[in-house]
Protein backbone atom coordinates (compact mmCIF):
# COMPACT_ATOMS: atom_id res chain seq x y z
CA UNK A 1 83.33 90.21 106.76
CA UNK A 2 82.12 87.33 108.93
CA UNK A 3 78.40 87.04 109.97
CA UNK A 4 77.33 86.23 113.10
CA UNK A 5 74.58 85.82 115.46
CA UNK A 6 73.86 88.73 117.49
CA UNK A 7 70.30 88.90 119.05
CA UNK A 8 67.29 87.36 119.63
CA UNK A 9 64.03 88.84 117.98
CA UNK A 10 61.19 86.80 119.27
CA UNK A 11 61.00 83.12 120.24
CA UNK A 12 61.63 82.00 117.20
CA UNK A 13 63.61 84.23 115.09
CA UNK A 14 67.16 86.25 115.56
CA UNK A 15 69.36 89.03 114.17
CA UNK A 16 72.50 88.12 112.22
CA UNK A 17 74.95 90.64 111.79
CA UNK A 18 78.51 91.26 110.18
CA UNK A 19 81.19 90.93 112.92
CA UNK A 20 83.27 94.64 113.30
CA UNK A 21 85.90 95.18 111.68
CA UNK A 22 88.13 98.04 110.15
CA UNK A 23 87.09 97.37 106.80
CA UNK A 24 83.28 97.29 107.37
CA UNK A 25 81.04 99.77 105.54
CA UNK A 26 79.47 102.40 107.96
CA UNK A 27 75.76 101.08 106.68
CA UNK A 28 75.80 96.85 106.98
CA UNK A 29 72.28 95.13 107.11
CA UNK A 30 70.90 93.41 109.52
CA UNK A 31 68.99 90.12 108.90
CA UNK A 32 66.85 88.17 110.34
CA UNK A 33 66.20 84.23 110.31
CA UNK A 34 64.83 81.33 112.02
CA UNK A 35 66.42 80.70 115.30
CA UNK A 36 66.45 76.46 113.87
CA UNK A 37 68.37 77.48 110.59
CA UNK A 38 70.80 80.17 111.97
CA UNK A 39 73.79 78.01 112.73
CA UNK A 40 73.66 76.38 109.18
CA UNK A 41 73.26 79.26 107.27
CA UNK A 42 76.20 81.11 109.27
CA UNK A 43 78.24 78.08 108.41
CA UNK A 44 77.58 78.18 104.77
CA UNK A 45 77.37 81.76 104.18
CA UNK A 46 80.95 82.47 106.11
CA UNK A 47 82.13 79.87 103.90
CA UNK A 48 80.64 80.40 100.64
CA UNK A 49 81.91 83.94 101.34
CA UNK A 50 85.62 83.28 100.70
CA UNK A 51 84.90 81.07 97.68
CA UNK A 52 83.36 84.35 96.19
CA UNK A 53 86.30 86.42 97.47
CA UNK A 54 88.69 84.11 94.89
CA UNK A 55 85.60 83.86 92.16
CA UNK A 56 85.97 87.90 91.81
CA UNK A 57 89.35 87.73 91.92
CA UNK A 58 90.12 85.69 89.57
CA UNK A 59 87.12 87.13 86.98
CA UNK A 60 89.09 90.33 87.42
CA UNK A 61 92.75 88.57 86.47
CA UNK A 62 91.37 86.96 83.66
CA UNK A 63 89.10 90.20 81.88
CA UNK A 64 92.07 91.99 82.73
CA UNK A 65 93.86 89.84 80.77
CA UNK A 66 91.73 89.41 78.21
CA UNK A 67 91.32 93.23 77.57
CA UNK A 68 94.74 93.91 77.25
CA UNK A 69 95.58 90.69 74.49
CA UNK A 70 92.68 92.08 72.96
CA UNK A 71 94.43 95.50 72.38
CA UNK A 72 97.70 94.19 72.46
CA UNK A 73 98.22 94.45 68.52
CA UNK A 74 97.45 97.99 68.56
CA UNK A 75 101.17 98.58 69.55
CA UNK A 76 99.39 101.78 71.37
CA UNK A 77 99.86 102.39 75.20
CA UNK A 78 96.66 104.38 75.16
CA UNK A 79 94.47 101.48 73.44
CA UNK A 80 96.53 98.55 76.17
CA UNK A 81 95.43 100.88 78.92
CA UNK A 82 92.06 101.24 77.99
CA UNK A 83 92.03 97.69 76.84
CA UNK A 84 93.00 96.51 80.10
CA UNK A 85 91.27 98.64 82.02
CA UNK A 86 87.94 97.77 80.43
CA UNK A 87 88.72 94.20 81.29
CA UNK A 88 89.44 94.79 85.07
CA UNK A 89 86.19 96.40 85.14
CA UNK A 90 84.16 93.90 83.29
CA UNK A 91 85.67 91.69 85.33
CA UNK A 92 84.96 93.39 88.53
CA UNK A 93 81.50 93.16 87.25
CA UNK A 94 81.37 89.60 86.34
CA UNK A 95 82.43 88.62 89.98
CA UNK A 96 80.28 91.07 91.68
CA UNK A 97 77.18 89.69 90.16
CA UNK A 98 77.91 85.99 90.44
CA UNK A 99 78.22 87.05 94.45
CA UNK A 100 75.44 89.08 94.74
CA UNK A 101 73.36 85.98 92.42
CA UNK A 102 74.68 83.14 94.84
CA UNK A 103 74.79 84.85 98.17
CA UNK A 104 70.93 85.51 97.11
CA UNK A 105 70.27 81.95 96.13
CA UNK A 106 71.46 80.86 99.62
CA UNK A 107 69.69 83.83 101.85
CA UNK A 108 66.22 82.35 99.81
CA UNK A 109 67.08 78.83 100.34
CA UNK A 110 67.19 79.86 104.25
CA UNK A 111 64.36 82.00 104.15
CA UNK A 112 66.63 85.12 105.47
CA UNK A 113 65.08 88.74 105.13
CA UNK A 114 66.72 91.93 106.11
CA UNK A 115 66.29 93.15 109.38
CA UNK A 116 64.14 96.44 109.73
CA UNK A 117 63.25 97.68 113.23
């Protein structure tokens, strides 16, 4: 989901919303930011989003493979399945944690706050 400038809140602040798309969740928060920083923040956020998706994908794959290899010596489908599943879940958690941390770091850098009416 890409972030874009939506409406002006006041003379100095604008509202940021995610573009409408079929994959957009029902509730997506809006954000507010200083008008002078909005374009630079959106450019950085959208550029970072693709990198973070790749990090999450790679961490899921690598952790799933590690989980499979860790249980490979058991020679049991059940152990291999459980190890792989645990690795996939751990990889998703790691990727999601890194993504959340990086996004929060960027939002703090540009003083972006969740918009509330």
